[in-house]
């Protein structure tokens, strides 16, 4: 089993019907965990990459009625490399 996480930002708050459909998404073989952050309007999905791919996870969320806007990177922003300038002669 290869566990992966993916995070998406959503627009409109999920309706009651969408939340019920998302509950059924959790029953899909390969979906391990759904975690919502209402303040940041994100959903983090832990899934088994040997069973599902990221596009399929995205499609499952969209079909449930969640207004997925974009995929959010789970990596923190990396600092820009410092380029040394030659000393003036």
Protein backbone atom coordinates (compact mmCIF):
# COMPACT_ATOMS: atom_id res chain seq x y z
CA UNK A 1 0.00 0.00 0.00
CA UNK A 2 1.25 3.44 -0.93
CA UNK A 3 -0.42 6.21 1.06
CA UNK A 4 -0.60 9.64 -0.52
CA UNK A 5 -2.25 12.87 0.55
CA UNK A 6 -3.73 15.49 -1.72
CA UNK A 7 -5.35 18.78 -0.71
CA UNK A 8 -7.93 20.82 -2.59
CA UNK A 9 -9.40 24.26 -1.99
CA UNK A 10 -13.14 24.51 -2.49
CA UNK A 11 -15.28 27.56 -3.23
CA UNK A 12 -18.79 27.39 -1.84
CA UNK A 13 -19.42 25.56 1.42
CA UNK A 14 -20.69 22.03 0.76
CA UNK A 15 -24.44 21.55 0.95
CA UNK A 16 -26.04 18.89 3.11
CA UNK A 17 -26.49 16.69 0.04
CA UNK A 18 -22.83 17.13 -0.89
CA UNK A 19 -21.74 16.20 2.63
CA UNK A 20 -23.84 13.03 2.48
CA UNK A 21 -22.28 12.19 -0.90
CA UNK A 22 -18.81 12.84 0.54
CA UNK A 23 -19.63 10.36 3.28
CA UNK A 24 -20.18 7.78 0.57
CA UNK A 25 -16.87 8.75 -1.09
CA UNK A 26 -15.18 7.62 2.10
CA UNK A 27 -16.56 4.14 1.43
CA UNK A 28 -14.70 3.91 -1.92
CA UNK A 29 -12.01 1.25 -1.73
CA UNK A 30 -8.72 3.16 -1.53
CA UNK A 31 -9.99 6.34 0.18
CA UNK A 32 -8.58 6.25 3.69
CA UNK A 33 -9.45 9.62 5.23
CA UNK A 34 -11.14 12.95 4.44
CA UNK A 35 -10.27 16.00 6.56
CA UNK A 36 -12.02 19.35 6.13
CA UNK A 37 -10.67 22.72 7.26
CA UNK A 38 -13.63 25.08 7.09
CA UNK A 39 -11.57 28.20 7.90
CA UNK A 40 -9.13 27.58 5.02
CA UNK A 41 -11.84 26.03 2.80
CA UNK A 42 -9.70 22.98 2.11
CA UNK A 43 -10.21 19.24 2.10
CA UNK A 44 -7.30 16.85 2.55
CA UNK A 45 -7.73 13.33 1.20
CA UNK A 46 -5.54 10.41 2.20
CA UNK A 47 -5.74 7.61 -0.36
CA UNK A 48 -4.04 4.41 -1.46
CA UNK A 49 -2.12 5.16 -4.66
CA UNK A 50 -2.01 1.47 -5.58
CA UNK A 51 -5.82 1.58 -5.91
CA UNK A 52 -6.58 5.17 -7.03
CA UNK A 53 -4.88 8.02 -8.85
CA UNK A 54 -5.07 11.72 -8.00
CA UNK A 55 -7.36 12.54 -10.99
CA UNK A 56 -9.82 9.87 -9.82
CA UNK A 57 -9.83 11.32 -6.28
CA UNK A 58 -10.49 14.77 -7.79
CA UNK A 59 -13.33 13.36 -9.89
CA UNK A 60 -14.90 11.64 -6.86
CA UNK A 61 -14.96 14.94 -4.97
CA UNK A 62 -16.42 16.83 -7.94
CA UNK A 63 -19.11 14.21 -8.53
CA UNK A 64 -20.13 14.39 -4.88
CA UNK A 65 -21.03 18.05 -5.40
CA UNK A 66 -17.99 19.69 -3.78
CA UNK A 67 -17.02 22.94 -5.54
CA UNK A 68 -13.32 22.09 -6.05
CA UNK A 69 -11.43 25.21 -7.13
CA UNK A 70 -7.78 24.15 -7.13
CA UNK A 71 -5.23 21.67 -5.88
CA UNK A 72 -3.14 23.00 -3.00
CA UNK A 73 0.51 22.07 -2.61
CA UNK A 74 1.32 20.27 0.62
CA UNK A 75 4.97 21.36 0.40
CA UNK A 76 5.93 24.57 2.19
CA UNK A 77 7.24 27.38 -0.02
CA UNK A 78 10.95 26.94 -0.68
CA UNK A 79 13.34 29.87 -0.15
CA UNK A 80 14.85 31.41 -3.25
CA UNK A 81 18.50 30.42 -3.76
CA UNK A 82 20.98 33.20 -3.04
CA UNK A 83 23.14 33.94 -6.05
CA UNK A 84 26.56 35.30 -5.20
CA UNK A 85 27.61 38.28 -7.27
CA UNK A 86 31.27 38.71 -8.13
CA UNK A 87 33.08 41.39 -6.11
CA UNK A 88 33.84 44.64 -7.92
CA UNK A 89 37.51 44.98 -8.86
